[in-house]
Amino acid sequence: MFGTSGIRGTVGEEVTAELALSVGRAVASDGYDRVVVGRDARESGKVLTDALTAGLRECGADVLEAGVA
């Protein structure tokens, strides 16, 4: 799931909004207090970045949303 190219897996199976929320919490809890979040144009991107951003902010990170890159 975690590789040199990021998190990989099938959306809705291995890669879920719950996973993205947990990753956001973990990243912010690990001391990353400023994070830029971007995504590609895939349909699943919005749900996953929203969850990631929520987890980051929940744990105190300042998030810059770059949108679709």
N, C-alpha and C. Protein backbone atom coordinates (compact mmCIF):
# COMPACT_ATOMS: atom_id res chain seq x y z
N MET A 1 0.82 -1.19 0.00
CA MET A 1 0.00 0.00 0.00
C MET A 1 0.87 1.26 0.00
N PHE A 2 1.87 1.33 0.86
CA PHE A 2 2.77 2.48 0.90
C PHE A 2 4.01 2.14 0.11
N GLY A 3 4.31 2.92 -0.91
CA GLY A 3 5.48 2.65 -1.74
C GLY A 3 6.21 3.92 -2.09
N THR A 4 7.19 3.79 -2.96
CA THR A 4 7.98 4.95 -3.36
C THR A 4 7.16 5.95 -4.16
N SER A 5 6.04 5.53 -4.70
CA SER A 5 5.17 6.42 -5.47
C SER A 5 3.95 6.86 -4.66
N GLY A 6 3.99 6.68 -3.36
CA GLY A 6 2.87 7.10 -2.52
C GLY A 6 2.02 5.92 -2.09
N ILE A 7 0.78 6.21 -1.77
CA ILE A 7 -0.16 5.18 -1.33
C ILE A 7 -0.86 4.63 -2.57
N ARG A 8 -0.83 3.33 -2.72
CA ARG A 8 -1.43 2.68 -3.89
C ARG A 8 -2.47 1.67 -3.45
N GLY A 9 -3.49 1.49 -4.25
CA GLY A 9 -4.51 0.49 -3.99
C GLY A 9 -5.79 0.86 -4.71
N THR A 10 -6.77 0.02 -4.60
CA THR A 10 -8.06 0.25 -5.23
C THR A 10 -8.90 1.15 -4.34
N VAL A 11 -9.39 2.24 -4.93
CA VAL A 11 -10.23 3.18 -4.18
C VAL A 11 -11.52 2.47 -3.78
N GLY A 12 -11.86 2.63 -2.52
CA GLY A 12 -13.05 1.99 -1.98
C GLY A 12 -12.77 0.63 -1.36
N GLU A 13 -11.60 0.09 -1.67
CA GLU A 13 -11.19 -1.19 -1.06
C GLU A 13 -10.02 -0.93 -0.12
N GLU A 14 -8.80 -0.85 -0.65
CA GLU A 14 -7.64 -0.56 0.21
C GLU A 14 -7.53 0.93 0.52
N VAL A 15 -7.88 1.76 -0.43
CA VAL A 15 -7.76 3.21 -0.27
C VAL A 15 -9.15 3.79 -0.05
N THR A 16 -9.38 4.26 1.17
CA THR A 16 -10.70 4.77 1.56
C THR A 16 -10.56 6.15 2.20
N ALA A 17 -11.69 6.81 2.36
CA ALA A 17 -11.70 8.09 3.06
C ALA A 17 -11.22 7.91 4.50
N GLU A 18 -11.56 6.79 5.12
CA GLU A 18 -11.11 6.52 6.49
C GLU A 18 -9.59 6.41 6.55
N LEU A 19 -9.00 5.77 5.54
CA LEU A 19 -7.54 5.68 5.48
C LEU A 19 -6.93 7.07 5.32
N ALA A 20 -7.49 7.87 4.43
CA ALA A 20 -6.97 9.22 4.20
C ALA A 20 -7.07 10.06 5.47
N LEU A 21 -8.16 9.94 6.20
CA LEU A 21 -8.32 10.65 7.47
C LEU A 21 -7.24 10.23 8.45
N SER A 22 -7.00 8.93 8.55
CA SER A 22 -5.97 8.41 9.46
C SER A 22 -4.57 8.87 9.06
N VAL A 23 -4.30 8.89 7.76
CA VAL A 23 -2.99 9.36 7.28
C VAL A 23 -2.82 10.83 7.62
N GLY A 24 -3.85 11.63 7.42
CA GLY A 24 -3.78 13.05 7.78
C GLY A 24 -3.49 13.25 9.26
N ARG A 25 -4.17 12.50 10.09
CA ARG A 25 -3.92 12.59 11.54
C ARG A 25 -2.49 12.20 11.88
N ALA A 26 -2.02 11.12 11.26
CA ALA A 26 -0.66 10.64 11.54
C ALA A 26 0.40 11.64 11.10
N VAL A 27 0.22 12.21 9.93
CA VAL A 27 1.19 13.19 9.41
C VAL A 27 1.26 14.40 10.33
N ALA A 28 0.10 14.94 10.70
CA ALA A 28 0.08 16.11 11.57
C ALA A 28 0.61 15.77 12.96
N SER A 29 0.32 14.61 13.45
CA SER A 29 0.80 14.19 14.77
C SER A 29 2.30 13.94 14.78
N ASP A 30 2.88 13.72 13.60
CA ASP A 30 4.31 13.47 13.48
C ASP A 30 5.11 14.77 13.38
N GLY A 31 4.42 15.90 13.52
CA GLY A 31 5.13 17.17 13.56
C GLY A 31 5.07 18.01 12.30
N TYR A 32 4.37 17.55 11.30
CA TYR A 32 4.21 18.36 10.08
C TYR A 32 3.09 19.36 10.32
N ASP A 33 3.47 20.61 10.58
CA ASP A 33 2.45 21.59 10.94
C ASP A 33 1.98 22.44 9.77
N ARG A 34 2.67 22.35 8.62
CA ARG A 34 2.23 23.04 7.40
C ARG A 34 2.33 22.04 6.25
N VAL A 35 1.20 21.82 5.58
CA VAL A 35 1.15 20.79 4.55
C VAL A 35 0.41 21.33 3.33
N VAL A 36 0.96 21.08 2.15
CA VAL A 36 0.29 21.41 0.89
C VAL A 36 -0.35 20.12 0.37
N VAL A 37 -1.64 20.19 0.05
CA VAL A 37 -2.37 19.03 -0.45
C VAL A 37 -2.87 19.32 -1.86
N GLY A 38 -2.49 18.46 -2.79
CA GLY A 38 -2.96 18.55 -4.17
C GLY A 38 -3.49 17.20 -4.60
N ARG A 39 -4.11 17.17 -5.76
CA ARG A 39 -4.67 15.91 -6.25
C ARG A 39 -4.70 15.93 -7.77
N ASP A 40 -5.01 14.77 -8.34
CA ASP A 40 -5.19 14.72 -9.78
C ASP A 40 -6.68 14.82 -10.09
N ALA A 41 -7.04 14.65 -11.33
CA ALA A 41 -8.42 14.89 -11.76
C ALA A 41 -9.35 13.69 -11.59
N ARG A 42 -8.86 12.60 -11.03
CA ARG A 42 -9.74 11.44 -10.85
C ARG A 42 -10.90 11.77 -9.92
N GLU A 43 -12.04 11.14 -10.20
CA GLU A 43 -13.26 11.38 -9.45
C GLU A 43 -13.09 11.17 -7.95
N SER A 44 -12.31 10.20 -7.56
CA SER A 44 -12.12 9.87 -6.14
C SER A 44 -11.26 10.89 -5.40
N GLY A 45 -10.56 11.73 -6.12
CA GLY A 45 -9.62 12.66 -5.51
C GLY A 45 -10.23 13.61 -4.51
N LYS A 46 -11.39 14.15 -4.80
CA LYS A 46 -12.02 15.13 -3.92
C LYS A 46 -12.35 14.52 -2.56
N VAL A 47 -12.95 13.35 -2.56
CA VAL A 47 -13.31 12.69 -1.30
C VAL A 47 -12.06 12.38 -0.47
N LEU A 48 -11.03 11.88 -1.14
CA LEU A 48 -9.80 11.50 -0.42
C LEU A 48 -9.06 12.72 0.10
N THR A 49 -8.96 13.79 -0.70
CA THR A 49 -8.26 14.98 -0.21
C THR A 49 -9.06 15.68 0.89
N ASP A 50 -10.38 15.66 0.80
CA ASP A 50 -11.19 16.24 1.88
C ASP A 50 -10.94 15.50 3.19
N ALA A 51 -10.88 14.18 3.13
CA ALA A 51 -10.64 13.38 4.34
C ALA A 51 -9.22 13.61 4.86
N LEU A 52 -8.24 13.62 3.97
CA LEU A 52 -6.85 13.87 4.37
C LEU A 52 -6.73 15.23 5.04
N THR A 53 -7.32 16.24 4.42
CA THR A 53 -7.28 17.60 4.96
C THR A 53 -7.96 17.67 6.32
N ALA A 54 -9.08 16.99 6.47
CA ALA A 54 -9.78 16.97 7.76
C ALA A 54 -8.90 16.37 8.85
N GLY A 55 -8.22 15.28 8.55
CA GLY A 55 -7.32 14.66 9.53
C GLY A 55 -6.17 15.56 9.90
N LEU A 56 -5.60 16.21 8.91
CA LEU A 56 -4.49 17.14 9.16
C LEU A 56 -4.94 18.29 10.07
N ARG A 57 -6.06 18.91 9.72
CA ARG A 57 -6.55 20.06 10.50
C ARG A 57 -7.00 19.65 11.89
N GLU A 58 -7.59 18.47 12.01
CA GLU A 58 -8.04 17.97 13.31
C GLU A 58 -6.88 17.91 14.30
N CYS A 59 -5.69 17.64 13.78
CA CYS A 59 -4.51 17.51 14.64
C CYS A 59 -3.63 18.75 14.60
N GLY A 60 -4.18 19.87 14.13
CA GLY A 60 -3.52 21.15 14.26
C GLY A 60 -2.66 21.63 13.10
N ALA A 61 -2.65 20.92 11.99
CA ALA A 61 -1.82 21.35 10.86
C ALA A 61 -2.51 22.47 10.09
N ASP A 62 -1.70 23.35 9.54
CA ASP A 62 -2.15 24.40 8.63
C ASP A 62 -2.06 23.80 7.23
N VAL A 63 -3.18 23.78 6.50
CA VAL A 63 -3.23 23.11 5.20
C VAL A 63 -3.47 24.12 4.09
N LEU A 64 -2.63 24.06 3.07
CA LEU A 64 -2.84 24.83 1.85
C LEU A 64 -3.37 23.85 0.82
N GLU A 65 -4.57 24.10 0.33
CA GLU A 65 -5.18 23.22 -0.66
C GLU A 65 -4.82 23.72 -2.05
N ALA A 66 -4.02 22.93 -2.78
CA ALA A 66 -3.56 23.31 -4.11
C ALA A 66 -4.57 22.96 -5.20
N GLY A 67 -5.54 22.13 -4.89
CA GLY A 67 -6.53 21.74 -5.88
C GLY A 67 -5.98 20.71 -6.85
N VAL A 68 -6.51 20.74 -8.07
CA VAL A 68 -6.09 19.79 -9.10
C VAL A 68 -4.79 20.25 -9.72
N ALA A 69 -3.80 19.37 -9.69
CA ALA A 69 -2.49 19.72 -10.24
C ALA A 69 -2.27 19.05 -11.57
